[in-house]
C-alpha atoms as a PDB file:
ATOM      1  CA  MET A   1       0.000   0.000   0.000  1.00  0.00           C
ATOM      2  CA  SER A   2       1.394   3.392  -0.958  1.00  0.00           C
ATOM      3  CA  ASP A   3       1.949   6.116   1.615  1.00  0.00           C
ATOM      4  CA  THR A   4      -0.873   8.199   0.113  1.00  0.00           C
ATOM      5  CA  GLU A   5      -3.296   5.267   0.160  1.00  0.00           C
ATOM      6  CA  ASN A   6      -2.351   4.501   3.763  1.00  0.00           C
ATOM      7  CA  LYS A   7      -3.030   8.119   4.785  1.00  0.00           C
ATOM      8  CA  LEU A   8      -6.398   8.064   3.036  1.00  0.00           C
ATOM      9  CA  LYS A   9      -7.278   4.743   4.682  1.00  0.00           C
ATOM     10  CA  ASN A  10      -6.442   6.257   8.082  1.00  0.00           C
ATOM     11  CA  LEU A  11      -8.579   9.289   7.249  1.00  0.00           C
ATOM     12  CA  THR A  12     -11.459   6.986   6.312  1.00  0.00           C
ATOM     13  CA  LEU A  13     -11.012   5.183   9.635  1.00  0.00           C
ATOM     14  CA  LEU A  14     -11.103   8.546  11.424  1.00  0.00           C
ATOM     15  CA  VAL A  15     -14.449   9.307   9.783  1.00  0.00           C
ATOM     16  CA  TYR A  16     -15.856   5.980  11.025  1.00  0.00           C
ATOM     17  CA  VAL A  17     -14.615   6.826  14.534  1.00  0.00           C
ATOM     18  CA  LEU A  18     -16.210  10.282  14.336  1.00  0.00           C
ATOM     19  CA  GLN A  19     -19.469   8.687  13.210  1.00  0.00           C
ATOM     20  CA  ALA A  20     -19.366   6.179  16.076  1.00  0.00           C
ATOM     21  CA  VAL A  21     -18.737   8.965  18.594  1.00  0.00           C
ATOM     22  CA  GLY A  22     -21.511  10.898  16.855  1.00  0.00           C
ATOM     23  CA  LEU A  23     -24.012   8.392  18.190  1.00  0.00           C
ATOM     24  CA  PHE A  24     -23.394  10.056  21.579  1.00  0.00           C
ATOM     25  CA  ILE A  25     -22.109  13.520  20.591  1.00  0.00           C
ATOM     26  CA  GLY A  26     -23.947  14.645  17.476  1.00  0.00           C
ATOM     27  CA  LEU A  27     -21.473  17.328  16.424  1.00  0.00           C
ATOM     28  CA  THR A  28     -18.849  14.776  15.427  1.00  0.00           C
ATOM     29  CA  TRP A  29     -21.229  13.542  12.705  1.00  0.00           C
ATOM     30  CA  ILE A  30     -20.990  16.991  11.147  1.00  0.00           C
ATOM     31  CA  ALA A  31     -17.188  16.972  11.386  1.00  0.00           C
ATOM     32  CA  ALA A  32     -17.152  13.528   9.751  1.00  0.00           C
ATOM     33  CA  VAL A  33     -19.256  14.538   6.761  1.00  0.00           C
ATOM     34  CA  ILE A  34     -17.231  17.737   6.307  1.00  0.00           C
ATOM     35  CA  VAL A  35     -14.073  15.599   6.096  1.00  0.00           C
ATOM     36  CA  ASN A  36     -15.848  13.388   3.541  1.00  0.00           C
ATOM     37  CA  TYR A  37     -16.756  16.293   1.304  1.00  0.00           C
ATOM     38  CA  VAL A  38     -13.412  18.104   1.645  1.00  0.00           C
ATOM     39  CA  LYS A  39     -11.328  14.986   0.864  1.00  0.00           C
ATOM     40  CA  ARG A  40     -13.725  13.341  -1.608  1.00  0.00           C
ATOM     41  CA  ASP A  41     -11.641  14.206  -4.675  1.00  0.00           C
ATOM     42  CA  ASP A  42      -8.572  12.586  -3.083  1.00  0.00           C
ATOM     43  CA  VAL A  43     -10.268   9.174  -2.970  1.00  0.00           C
ATOM     44  CA  ARG A  44     -11.958   9.382  -6.365  1.00  0.00           C
ATOM     45  CA  ASP A  45     -11.367   6.246  -8.489  1.00  0.00           C
ATOM     46  CA  THR A  46      -9.961   4.278  -5.542  1.00  0.00           C
ATOM     47  CA  TRP A  47     -11.521   1.520  -3.447  1.00  0.00           C
ATOM     48  CA  LEU A  48     -11.894   4.109  -0.665  1.00  0.00           C
ATOM     49  CA  GLU A  49     -14.349   6.153  -2.730  1.00  0.00           C
ATOM     50  CA  SER A  50     -17.066   3.608  -1.935  1.00  0.00           C
ATOM     51  CA  HIS A  51     -16.388   4.125   1.784  1.00  0.00           C
ATOM     52  CA  PHE A  52     -16.742   7.893   1.462  1.00  0.00           C
ATOM     53  CA  ASN A  53     -20.022   7.459  -0.443  1.00  0.00           C
ATOM     54  CA  TRP A  54     -21.195   4.979   2.230  1.00  0.00           C
ATOM     55  CA  GLN A  55     -20.295   7.417   5.025  1.00  0.00           C
ATOM     56  CA  ILE A  56     -21.977  10.373   3.322  1.00  0.00           C
ATOM     57  CA  LYS A  57     -25.131   8.341   2.703  1.00  0.00           C
ATOM     58  CA  THR A  58     -25.102   7.194   6.347  1.00  0.00           C
ATOM     59  CA  PHE A  59     -24.964  10.822   7.486  1.00  0.00           C
ATOM     60  CA  TRP A  60     -27.776  12.138   5.285  1.00  0.00           C
ATOM     61  CA  VAL A  61     -30.173   9.223   5.741  1.00  0.00           C
ATOM     62  CA  GLY A  62     -29.419   9.167   9.473  1.00  0.00           C
ATOM     63  CA  LEU A  63     -30.091  12.900   9.722  1.00  0.00           C
ATOM     64  CA  ALA A  64     -33.367  12.592   7.795  1.00  0.00           C
ATOM     65  CA  GLY A  65     -34.460   9.636   9.924  1.00  0.00           C
ATOM     66  CA  SER A  66     -33.564  11.475  13.122  1.00  0.00           C
ATOM     67  CA  ILE A  67     -35.546  14.542  12.075  1.00  0.00           C
ATOM     68  CA  ILE A  68     -38.552  12.360  11.244  1.00  0.00           C
ATOM     69  CA  GLY A  69     -38.170  10.595  14.590  1.00  0.00           C
ATOM     70  CA  VAL A  70     -38.066  13.852  16.540  1.00  0.00           C
ATOM     71  CA  LEU A  71     -41.000  15.326  14.622  1.00  0.00           C
ATOM     72  CA  THR A  72     -43.140  12.236  15.271  1.00  0.00           C
ATOM     73  CA  MET A  73     -42.416  11.947  18.983  1.00  0.00           C
ATOM     74  CA  TRP A  74     -45.879  13.305  19.715  1.00  0.00           C
ATOM     75  CA  LEU A  75     -47.360  10.377  17.743  1.00  0.00           C
ATOM     76  CA  LEU A  76     -45.529   7.994  20.075  1.00  0.00           C
ATOM     77  CA  VAL A  77     -43.663   6.388  17.163  1.00  0.00           C
ATOM     78  CA  GLY A  78     -40.800   8.856  17.128  1.00  0.00           C
ATOM     79  CA  GLY A  79     -38.891   6.945  19.774  1.00  0.00           C
ATOM     80  CA  LEU A  80     -39.140   3.744  17.752  1.00  0.00           C
ATOM     81  CA  ILE A  81     -37.971   5.565  14.643  1.00  0.00           C
ATOM     82  CA  LEU A  82     -34.980   6.993  16.518  1.00  0.00           C
ATOM     83  CA  ILE A  83     -34.080   3.533  17.842  1.00  0.00           C
ATOM     84  CA  ALA A  84     -34.351   2.056  14.343  1.00  0.00           C
ATOM     85  CA  VAL A  85     -32.176   4.833  12.885  1.00  0.00           C
ATOM     86  CA  GLY A  86     -29.610   4.268  15.640  1.00  0.00           C
ATOM     87  CA  ILE A  87     -29.454   0.523  14.980  1.00  0.00           C
ATOM     88  CA  TRP A  88     -29.186   1.149  11.229  1.00  0.00           C
ATOM     89  CA  ALA A  89     -26.352   3.644  11.761  1.00  0.00           C
ATOM     90  CA  ILE A  90     -24.463   1.242  14.059  1.00  0.00           C
ATOM     91  CA  TYR A  91     -24.829  -1.499  11.454  1.00  0.00           C
ATOM     92  CA  ARG A  92     -23.453   0.746   8.703  1.00  0.00           C
ATOM     93  CA  ILE A  93     -20.534   1.971  10.811  1.00  0.00           C
ATOM     94  CA  VAL A  94     -19.560  -1.579  11.805  1.00  0.00           C
ATOM     95  CA  LYS A  95     -19.989  -2.963   8.275  1.00  0.00           C
ATOM     96  CA  GLY A  96     -17.936  -0.118   6.834  1.00  0.00           C
ATOM     97  CA  TRP A  97     -15.228  -0.441   9.460  1.00  0.00           C
ATOM     98  CA  LEU A  98     -14.894  -4.183   8.832  1.00  0.00           C
ATOM     99  CA  ALA A  99     -14.758  -3.703   5.062  1.00  0.00           C
ATOM    100  CA  LEU A 100     -12.110  -1.001   5.501  1.00  0.00           C
ATOM    101  CA  ASN A 101     -10.059  -3.328   7.685  1.00  0.00           C
ATOM    102  CA  ASP A 102     -10.261  -5.999   4.952  1.00  0.00           C
ATOM    103  CA  ARG A 103      -9.444  -3.400   2.255  1.00  0.00           C
ATOM    104  CA  LYS A 104     -12.736  -4.092   0.462  1.00  0.00           C
ATOM    105  CA  PRO A 105     -15.016  -1.593  -1.260  1.00  0.00           C
ATOM    106  CA  LEU A 106     -18.616  -1.223  -0.147  1.00  0.00           C
ATOM    107  CA  PRO A 107     -21.759  -1.611  -2.272  1.00  0.00           C
ATOM    108  CA  ASP A 108     -23.866   1.405  -3.174  1.00  0.00           C
ATOM    109  CA  THR A 109     -26.803   0.311  -1.006  1.00  0.00           C
ATOM    110  CA  TYR A 110     -28.591   1.354   2.162  1.00  0.00           C
ATOM    111  CA  PHE A 111     -27.970  -1.990   3.898  1.00  0.00           C
END
């Protein structure tokens, strides 16, 4: 693995860590997606590009799901939605982290 690829892999790992911490401290999710967008061109046409796309999709879908969950709290389903979004986000972070560790790209899916 080249030095540049190793640095980008470490950066991708950092984003997964920021996302995991973001489950408890929401602001790190924002830092993670900013890193994704700022460094996106650096990973273009590499196996890491799929990880950046995966991480960006996790952020936006997670944010949308969280907003829906908060807005539907008064219907008594918001809590269930927030739990489901949390489980989905944990799944995506773990799956991405494991694929990164194995140096494998990720599919362009939501699961």
